[in-house]
Amino acid sequence: MTDGWSGDFADFTARFADRFGRVEPRRRMVSYLRGLLGEAERKNGWTLAEAADDGPQGMQRLLNHYQWNADALRDDVRDAVLENIGDPHDGVLILDETGFLKKGVRSAGVTRQYSGTAGRIENSQVAVFLAYGCNRGRALIDRELYLPKDWTSNRERCRAAGIGDDVEFATKPDIGLRMLKRAVESEVPFGWVTADELYGQTGRLRLWLEENDIPHVLAVPKSQMVMTMEFFGQARAHELIGRLPDEAWQRLSCGDGAHGPREYNWAAAPIRPWRREGWDHWLLARRSISDPTEIAYYICFCPTGTPLEKLTEIAGARWMVEECFQTAKNEAGLDHYQVRGYTPWYRHVTLSMAALAFLAILRAETKKGTRKFELMKPSCPSA
């Protein structure tokens, strides 16, 4: 850690001191975060202990035995992020999941399942995350470990991994909805919600957002049924978009990527003939410039008069959660843990989120010009 970080890091970790009743776990929490932010390529219990000049048993006690509440720390991390980069108008909440490849069968929630990290079915854990992003920065603010049915239907196996009898099966969209409700109840300042097809095609999630007047742009599959006057009833997304004339398409950028503006052809068709006053429903389509057969679809709920450019901007905001995953795994040890239990998993992941939040806060301050030193020597382009 560079000298320029020291004061900021001390102030940041001081926010969490009250969550640790004794000095030993408090010091180990600081050492753990310092290690996660360090330059070691692998950030597991051994390397973190070496960085802290401590034995690995001390770090394991922090994750497995000391008394502290990972959910309370999660709330502190969220509040720190929002104090520094929160924006009630342009803030976007982004739901997504990521996988953690694992060996064996004892780690909480591990099973053979599809992992986006691997791009195929693998033995892995999968977790749902809620990210917060805007022009000022982005960070992860909530997390839940997904427990497949072959876990929740076997209470003895759950108990062996430290999973309480009160933890029941929940789908990933239901987990995502639970986190969105927490964000609203905590008065997180945001203007939009976006997510991929897994969440967008879930009607109860979209309905809850509409009932709470929350604008959203949610990806849906091409087979998604929508209500439209064009077909005098229901139609599939690709059928409705397929009827749009050529002049309905506009070339727009949905944000800057690593190689410049991410440009696509975009079009929108009105849906829901019985719209609520003051609100519009749209089916948005994003078509590749190089391959016109490659089309993505989104259901949008937004205030009347929202321009197409804003909808495309929100649709493109999903890249921020991918950047969070990449940076958290490469720079903050998100997937470097060596724990099997349910509670230790939450503790490590929450501490990794805290490390990522610290980087996001430093980046935001640098962007504002309040500091001039480099954040870190990056080990990957995402840093």
Protein backbone atom coordinates (compact mmCIF):
# COMPACT_ATOMS: atom_id res chain seq x y z
CA MET A 1 0.00 0.00 0.00
CA THR A 2 1.41 3.39 -0.94
CA ASP A 3 2.13 6.07 1.63
CA GLY A 4 -0.54 8.28 0.09
CA TRP A 5 -3.27 5.82 1.11
CA SER A 6 -2.45 5.58 4.80
CA GLY A 7 -4.67 8.33 6.17
CA ASP A 8 -7.57 7.49 3.90
CA PHE A 9 -7.30 3.79 4.72
CA ALA A 10 -7.26 4.48 8.46
CA ASP A 11 -10.35 6.68 8.16
CA PHE A 12 -12.09 4.07 6.03
CA THR A 13 -11.46 1.14 8.38
CA ALA A 14 -12.38 3.28 11.41
CA ARG A 15 -15.96 3.25 10.10
CA PHE A 16 -16.14 -0.46 10.85
CA ALA A 17 -14.35 -0.55 14.21
CA ASP A 18 -17.55 -0.72 16.26
CA ARG A 19 -18.55 -3.94 14.45
CA PHE A 20 -15.67 -5.74 16.19
CA GLY A 21 -16.02 -5.79 19.95
CA ARG A 22 -12.41 -6.68 20.72
CA VAL A 23 -9.09 -5.28 19.57
CA GLU A 24 -7.79 -8.60 18.13
CA PRO A 25 -10.50 -9.10 15.49
CA ARG A 26 -10.45 -5.37 14.76
CA ARG A 27 -6.73 -5.45 14.00
CA ARG A 28 -7.08 -8.60 11.93
CA MET A 29 -9.90 -7.02 9.94
CA VAL A 30 -7.59 -4.11 9.09
CA SER A 31 -4.79 -6.52 8.18
CA TYR A 32 -7.15 -8.59 6.07
CA LEU A 33 -8.31 -5.54 4.11
CA ARG A 34 -4.73 -4.34 3.73
CA GLY A 35 -3.78 -7.75 2.35
CA LEU A 36 -6.70 -7.78 -0.08
CA LEU A 37 -5.49 -4.42 -1.40
CA GLY A 38 -1.88 -5.60 -1.61
CA GLU A 39 0.12 -6.70 -4.63
CA ALA A 40 0.12 -10.47 -3.98
CA GLU A 41 -1.19 -12.36 -6.99
CA ARG A 42 -3.17 -14.81 -4.85
CA LYS A 43 -4.91 -13.43 -1.76
CA ASN A 44 -5.76 -16.49 0.29
CA GLY A 45 -5.34 -17.14 3.99
CA TRP A 46 -1.63 -17.90 3.72
CA THR A 47 -0.62 -14.88 1.65
CA LEU A 48 -2.79 -12.53 3.70
CA ALA A 49 -1.23 -13.87 6.89
CA GLU A 50 2.28 -13.39 5.48
CA ALA A 51 1.46 -9.81 4.48
CA ALA A 52 0.21 -9.15 8.01
CA ASP A 53 3.17 -10.95 9.61
CA ASP A 54 0.63 -13.20 11.29
CA GLY A 55 -0.13 -16.91 11.22
CA PRO A 56 -2.90 -18.26 8.96
CA GLN A 57 -4.81 -19.35 12.08
CA GLY A 58 -5.40 -15.70 12.93
CA MET A 59 -7.04 -14.97 9.59
CA GLN A 60 -9.10 -18.14 9.86
CA ARG A 61 -10.30 -17.04 13.30
CA LEU A 62 -11.43 -13.74 11.76
CA LEU A 63 -13.55 -15.59 9.22
CA ASN A 64 -14.69 -18.55 11.31
CA HIS A 65 -14.69 -17.84 15.03
CA TYR A 66 -14.70 -14.18 16.08
CA GLN A 67 -18.07 -12.63 16.85
CA TRP A 68 -19.02 -10.05 14.22
CA ASN A 69 -21.93 -9.47 11.86
CA ALA A 70 -21.14 -9.53 8.14
CA ASP A 71 -24.54 -8.02 7.26
CA ALA A 72 -23.89 -5.01 9.50
CA LEU A 73 -20.50 -4.54 7.82
CA ARG A 74 -22.20 -4.86 4.42
CA ASP A 75 -24.47 -1.96 5.39
CA ASP A 76 -21.46 0.11 6.45
CA VAL A 77 -19.75 -0.58 3.13
CA ARG A 78 -22.89 0.42 1.24
CA ASP A 79 -23.19 3.65 3.22
CA ALA A 80 -19.53 4.52 2.58
CA VAL A 81 -20.02 3.98 -1.16
CA LEU A 82 -23.15 6.11 -1.29
CA GLU A 83 -21.64 8.96 0.72
CA ASN A 84 -18.88 9.27 -1.85
CA ILE A 85 -20.45 8.36 -5.20
CA GLY A 86 -24.20 8.35 -4.58
CA ASP A 87 -26.36 10.12 -7.18
CA PRO A 88 -30.18 10.12 -6.75
CA HIS A 89 -30.81 10.89 -10.42
CA ASP A 90 -28.16 9.00 -12.40
CA GLY A 91 -27.45 6.20 -9.91
CA VAL A 92 -28.20 2.73 -11.30
CA LEU A 93 -28.76 -0.50 -9.36
CA ILE A 94 -27.52 -3.50 -11.33
CA LEU A 95 -28.37 -7.13 -10.55
CA ASP A 96 -26.09 -9.90 -11.75
CA GLU A 97 -24.49 -13.12 -10.60
CA THR A 98 -21.00 -14.55 -10.80
CA GLY A 99 -19.53 -18.00 -10.24
CA PHE A 100 -16.70 -19.31 -8.09
CA LEU A 101 -15.16 -22.56 -9.39
CA LYS A 102 -14.62 -25.03 -6.54
CA LYS A 103 -13.48 -28.60 -5.97
CA GLY A 104 -15.23 -31.07 -3.71
CA VAL A 105 -18.79 -31.12 -2.39
CA ARG A 106 -18.54 -29.57 1.10
CA SER A 107 -18.36 -25.83 0.35
CA ALA A 108 -21.72 -24.17 1.04
CA GLY A 109 -23.89 -24.14 -2.08
CA VAL A 110 -21.39 -25.91 -4.32
CA THR A 111 -22.81 -28.16 -7.02
CA ARG A 112 -22.53 -28.79 -10.73
CA GLN A 113 -24.32 -25.79 -12.21
CA TYR A 114 -23.93 -23.23 -14.95
CA SER A 115 -21.23 -20.71 -14.16
CA GLY A 116 -20.94 -17.57 -16.24
CA THR A 117 -17.32 -17.36 -15.12
CA ALA A 118 -16.53 -20.62 -16.90
CA GLY A 119 -19.22 -20.26 -19.57
CA ARG A 120 -20.39 -23.82 -18.97
CA ILE A 121 -21.66 -26.22 -16.30
CA GLU A 122 -18.97 -26.67 -13.67
CA ASN A 123 -18.62 -27.59 -10.02
CA SER A 124 -19.05 -24.14 -8.53
CA GLN A 125 -20.70 -21.74 -6.15
CA VAL A 126 -22.87 -18.98 -7.61
CA ALA A 127 -23.71 -15.71 -5.87
CA VAL A 128 -26.07 -12.87 -6.76
CA PHE A 129 -24.74 -9.34 -6.32
CA LEU A 130 -26.23 -5.87 -6.39
CA ALA A 131 -23.94 -3.20 -7.80
CA TYR A 132 -24.30 0.56 -7.63
CA GLY A 133 -22.99 2.65 -10.49
CA CYS A 134 -23.02 6.19 -11.85
CA ASN A 135 -20.62 8.63 -13.47
CA ARG A 136 -18.80 9.05 -10.16
CA GLY A 137 -17.91 5.37 -9.82
CA ARG A 138 -19.24 1.89 -9.16
CA ALA A 139 -19.04 -0.74 -6.42
CA LEU A 140 -20.78 -3.84 -5.07
CA ILE A 141 -23.21 -3.05 -2.26
CA ASP A 142 -25.02 -6.35 -1.55
CA ARG A 143 -24.51 -10.08 -1.99
CA GLU A 144 -26.25 -13.40 -1.41
CA LEU A 145 -25.00 -16.95 -1.92
CA TYR A 146 -27.34 -19.02 -4.09
CA LEU A 147 -28.24 -22.38 -2.54
CA PRO A 148 -29.52 -24.94 -5.08
CA LYS A 149 -32.40 -27.24 -4.18
CA ASP A 150 -30.09 -30.22 -3.68
CA TRP A 151 -28.71 -28.23 -0.73
CA THR A 152 -31.86 -26.81 0.85
CA SER A 153 -33.61 -30.18 0.58
CA ASN A 154 -30.84 -31.78 2.65
CA ARG A 155 -30.87 -30.09 6.05
CA GLU A 156 -28.15 -32.32 7.46
CA ARG A 157 -25.80 -31.24 4.68
CA CYS A 158 -26.76 -27.62 5.32
CA ARG A 159 -26.03 -27.87 9.03
CA ALA A 160 -22.59 -29.34 8.29
CA ALA A 161 -21.82 -26.21 6.26
CA GLY A 162 -23.23 -23.86 8.92
CA ILE A 163 -26.45 -23.08 7.05
CA GLY A 164 -29.33 -22.52 9.47
CA ASP A 165 -32.62 -24.39 9.25
CA ASP A 166 -34.36 -21.07 8.54
CA VAL A 167 -32.50 -20.64 5.24
CA GLU A 168 -34.81 -21.88 2.50
CA PHE A 169 -34.51 -22.25 -1.25
CA ALA A 170 -34.83 -19.04 -3.26
CA THR A 171 -34.41 -18.52 -6.99
CA LYS A 172 -31.81 -16.04 -8.19
CA PRO A 173 -34.52 -13.53 -9.23
CA ASP A 174 -36.09 -13.83 -5.77
CA ILE A 175 -32.68 -13.22 -4.20
CA GLY A 176 -32.26 -10.21 -6.45
CA LEU A 177 -35.68 -8.88 -5.49
CA ARG A 178 -34.80 -9.29 -1.82
CA MET A 179 -31.70 -7.13 -2.33
CA LEU A 180 -33.63 -4.49 -4.27
CA LYS A 181 -36.11 -4.27 -1.40
CA ARG A 182 -33.24 -3.82 1.05
CA ALA A 183 -31.84 -1.01 -1.08
CA VAL A 184 -35.19 0.79 -1.18
CA GLU A 185 -35.77 0.34 2.55
CA SER A 186 -32.27 1.72 3.20
CA GLU A 187 -33.06 4.78 1.04
CA VAL A 188 -30.27 4.13 -1.44
CA PRO A 189 -30.25 7.12 -3.86
CA PHE A 190 -30.80 5.77 -7.36
CA GLY A 191 -32.83 6.52 -10.46
CA TRP A 192 -32.84 3.26 -12.42
CA VAL A 193 -32.57 -0.53 -12.20
CA THR A 194 -31.12 -2.81 -14.87
CA ALA A 195 -30.37 -6.53 -15.09
CA ASP A 196 -29.88 -9.34 -17.57
CA GLU A 197 -32.45 -11.78 -18.98
CA LEU A 198 -32.56 -14.05 -15.94
CA TYR A 199 -34.09 -11.24 -13.91
CA GLY A 200 -35.85 -9.34 -16.69
CA GLN A 201 -38.03 -12.27 -17.70
CA THR A 202 -39.30 -12.68 -14.12
CA GLY A 203 -42.72 -11.04 -14.01
CA ARG A 204 -42.96 -10.67 -10.22
CA LEU A 205 -39.71 -8.68 -10.16
CA ARG A 206 -40.88 -6.32 -12.91
CA LEU A 207 -44.28 -5.96 -11.24
CA TRP A 208 -42.71 -4.98 -7.91
CA LEU A 209 -40.59 -2.34 -9.63
CA GLU A 210 -43.66 -0.91 -11.37
CA GLU A 211 -45.73 -0.91 -8.19
CA ASN A 212 -42.98 1.12 -6.52
CA ASP A 213 -42.58 3.53 -9.47
CA ILE A 214 -39.00 2.45 -10.10
CA PRO A 215 -37.80 3.07 -13.69
CA HIS A 216 -36.02 0.10 -15.20
CA VAL A 217 -34.49 -1.34 -18.35
CA LEU A 218 -34.38 -5.14 -18.04
CA ALA A 219 -33.06 -7.53 -20.67
CA VAL A 220 -35.48 -10.23 -21.84
CA PRO A 221 -35.16 -13.15 -24.28
CA LYS A 222 -36.42 -12.78 -27.83
CA SER A 223 -39.28 -15.15 -26.98
CA GLN A 224 -40.59 -12.82 -24.26
CA MET A 225 -44.33 -12.18 -24.64
CA VAL A 226 -45.41 -8.53 -24.58
CA MET A 227 -48.77 -6.79 -24.91
CA THR A 228 -49.11 -4.63 -28.01
CA MET A 229 -51.77 -3.02 -30.17
CA GLU A 230 -49.69 -3.93 -33.21
CA PHE A 231 -50.84 -7.54 -32.89
CA PHE A 232 -54.07 -6.75 -31.03
CA GLY A 233 -52.88 -8.75 -28.04
CA GLN A 234 -49.67 -10.56 -27.19
CA ALA A 235 -46.62 -10.97 -29.38
CA ARG A 236 -43.10 -12.22 -28.93
CA ALA A 237 -40.39 -9.61 -28.62
CA HIS A 238 -38.64 -10.55 -31.85
CA GLU A 239 -41.92 -10.50 -33.79
CA LEU A 240 -42.80 -6.98 -32.68
CA ILE A 241 -39.31 -5.61 -33.36
CA GLY A 242 -39.21 -7.43 -36.69
CA ARG A 243 -42.12 -5.31 -37.94
CA LEU A 244 -40.40 -2.00 -37.31
CA PRO A 245 -39.43 -0.05 -40.45
CA ASP A 246 -35.77 0.67 -41.22
CA GLU A 247 -36.14 4.32 -40.28
CA ALA A 248 -37.10 3.30 -36.72
CA TRP A 249 -33.49 2.35 -36.01
CA GLN A 250 -30.94 4.89 -34.72
CA ARG A 251 -27.21 4.48 -34.27
CA LEU A 252 -26.36 5.42 -30.68
CA SER A 253 -23.62 4.79 -28.16
CA CYS A 254 -24.57 3.16 -24.86
CA GLY A 255 -21.37 4.33 -23.21
CA ASP A 256 -17.63 4.23 -23.64
CA GLY A 257 -15.83 0.90 -23.58
CA ALA A 258 -12.17 -0.06 -23.59
CA HIS A 259 -11.96 0.74 -27.31
CA GLY A 260 -14.15 3.85 -27.41
CA PRO A 261 -17.92 4.37 -27.76
CA ARG A 262 -20.00 1.17 -27.79
CA GLU A 263 -22.23 1.87 -30.76
CA TYR A 264 -25.24 -0.18 -31.86
CA ASN A 265 -28.43 0.38 -33.80
CA TRP A 266 -31.36 0.91 -31.42
CA ALA A 267 -35.14 0.97 -31.82
CA ALA A 268 -38.14 1.01 -29.46
CA ALA A 269 -41.78 -0.03 -29.82
CA PRO A 270 -44.58 0.95 -27.41
CA ILE A 271 -46.17 -1.86 -25.41
CA ARG A 272 -48.91 -2.06 -22.77
CA PRO A 273 -51.89 -0.25 -24.43
CA TRP A 274 -53.33 0.55 -20.96
CA ARG A 275 -50.36 2.62 -19.80
CA ARG A 276 -50.44 4.44 -16.49
CA GLU A 277 -50.63 8.20 -16.66
CA GLY A 278 -47.16 9.69 -16.54
CA TRP A 279 -45.41 6.41 -17.35
CA ASP A 280 -44.44 4.64 -20.56
CA HIS A 281 -43.71 1.01 -21.39
CA TRP A 282 -41.33 0.23 -24.24
CA LEU A 283 -39.77 -2.79 -25.86
CA LEU A 284 -36.21 -1.71 -26.64
CA ALA A 285 -33.98 -3.50 -29.13
CA ARG A 286 -30.21 -3.33 -29.61
CA ARG A 287 -28.90 -4.54 -32.98
CA SER A 288 -25.27 -5.22 -33.79
CA ILE A 289 -23.82 -3.05 -36.54
CA SER A 290 -21.57 -5.82 -37.89
CA ASP A 291 -24.16 -8.60 -37.59
CA PRO A 292 -27.78 -7.38 -37.94
CA THR A 293 -29.09 -10.80 -36.87
CA GLU A 294 -27.61 -10.25 -33.41
CA ILE A 295 -30.36 -8.46 -31.47
CA ALA A 296 -30.88 -8.01 -27.74
CA TYR A 297 -34.24 -7.04 -26.21
CA TYR A 298 -35.25 -5.03 -23.13
CA ILE A 299 -38.52 -4.22 -21.38
CA CYS A 300 -38.50 -0.61 -20.21
CA PHE A 301 -40.66 1.23 -17.67
CA CYS A 302 -39.92 4.93 -17.51
CA PRO A 303 -41.44 8.40 -17.00
CA THR A 304 -43.31 9.71 -20.04
CA GLY A 305 -40.99 11.63 -22.31
CA THR A 306 -37.83 9.69 -21.48
CA PRO A 307 -35.65 9.89 -24.61
CA LEU A 308 -34.34 6.83 -26.41
CA GLU A 309 -30.78 7.94 -25.59
CA LYS A 310 -31.48 7.57 -21.86
CA LEU A 311 -32.86 4.06 -22.29
CA THR A 312 -29.81 2.99 -24.26
CA GLU A 313 -27.57 4.51 -21.59
CA ILE A 314 -29.25 2.46 -18.86
CA ALA A 315 -29.19 -0.70 -20.99
CA GLY A 316 -25.45 -0.19 -21.40
CA ALA A 317 -24.91 0.36 -17.67
CA ARG A 318 -24.68 -3.38 -17.06
CA TRP A 319 -21.00 -3.26 -18.00
CA MET A 320 -20.39 -1.58 -14.63
CA VAL A 321 -21.21 -4.73 -12.66
CA GLU A 322 -18.93 -6.75 -14.95
CA GLU A 323 -16.16 -4.25 -14.24
CA CYS A 324 -16.86 -4.63 -10.51
CA PHE A 325 -16.53 -8.42 -10.75
CA GLN A 326 -13.32 -8.20 -12.75
CA THR A 327 -11.72 -5.66 -10.44
CA ALA A 328 -12.92 -7.41 -7.27
CA LYS A 329 -11.50 -10.74 -8.43
CA ASN A 330 -8.24 -9.35 -9.79
CA GLU A 331 -7.54 -6.64 -7.23
CA ALA A 332 -9.54 -7.43 -4.08
CA GLY A 333 -9.41 -11.23 -3.83
CA LEU A 334 -13.15 -11.81 -4.27
CA ASP A 335 -12.65 -15.39 -5.51
CA HIS A 336 -9.43 -16.21 -3.64
CA TYR A 337 -11.03 -17.52 -0.46
CA GLN A 338 -10.30 -20.89 1.15
CA VAL A 339 -13.37 -21.35 3.30
CA ARG A 340 -16.16 -23.90 3.09
CA GLY A 341 -18.70 -22.63 5.62
CA TYR A 342 -21.69 -20.40 4.97
CA THR A 343 -20.79 -17.66 7.47
CA PRO A 344 -17.07 -17.51 6.51
CA TRP A 345 -18.09 -17.14 2.86
CA TYR A 346 -20.21 -14.09 3.68
CA ARG A 347 -17.43 -12.63 5.80
CA HIS A 348 -14.73 -12.95 3.16
CA VAL A 349 -16.95 -11.67 0.35
CA THR A 350 -18.08 -8.70 2.44
CA LEU A 351 -14.48 -7.79 3.28
CA SER A 352 -13.61 -8.05 -0.41
CA MET A 353 -16.52 -5.73 -1.19
CA ALA A 354 -15.10 -3.31 1.39
CA ALA A 355 -11.71 -3.39 -0.36
CA LEU A 356 -13.40 -2.74 -3.70
CA ALA A 357 -15.37 0.13 -2.15
CA PHE A 358 -12.15 1.71 -0.88
CA LEU A 359 -10.71 1.61 -4.41
CA ALA A 360 -13.92 3.12 -5.80
CA ILE A 361 -13.77 5.96 -3.26
CA LEU A 362 -10.12 6.70 -4.05
CA ARG A 363 -10.88 6.67 -7.75
CA ALA A 364 -13.79 9.09 -7.25
CA GLU A 365 -11.58 11.47 -5.25
CA THR A 366 -8.90 11.31 -7.92
CA LYS A 367 -11.49 12.05 -10.58
CA LYS A 368 -12.61 15.12 -8.62
CA GLY A 369 -8.99 16.27 -8.39
CA THR A 370 -8.75 16.09 -4.61
CA ARG A 371 -5.77 13.74 -4.86
CA LYS A 372 -3.01 13.38 -7.43
CA PHE A 373 -1.22 10.12 -6.70
CA GLU A 374 -1.89 6.91 -8.61
CA LEU A 375 -4.39 4.55 -6.99
CA MET A 376 -2.29 1.43 -7.52
CA LYS A 377 0.04 -0.25 -9.91
CA PRO A 378 -2.56 -2.27 -11.81
CA SER A 379 -2.13 -5.97 -12.39
CA CYS A 380 -4.80 -5.88 -15.09
CA PRO A 381 -6.31 -3.25 -17.39
CA SER A 382 -9.49 -3.08 -15.29
CA ALA A 383 -7.71 -1.47 -12.35
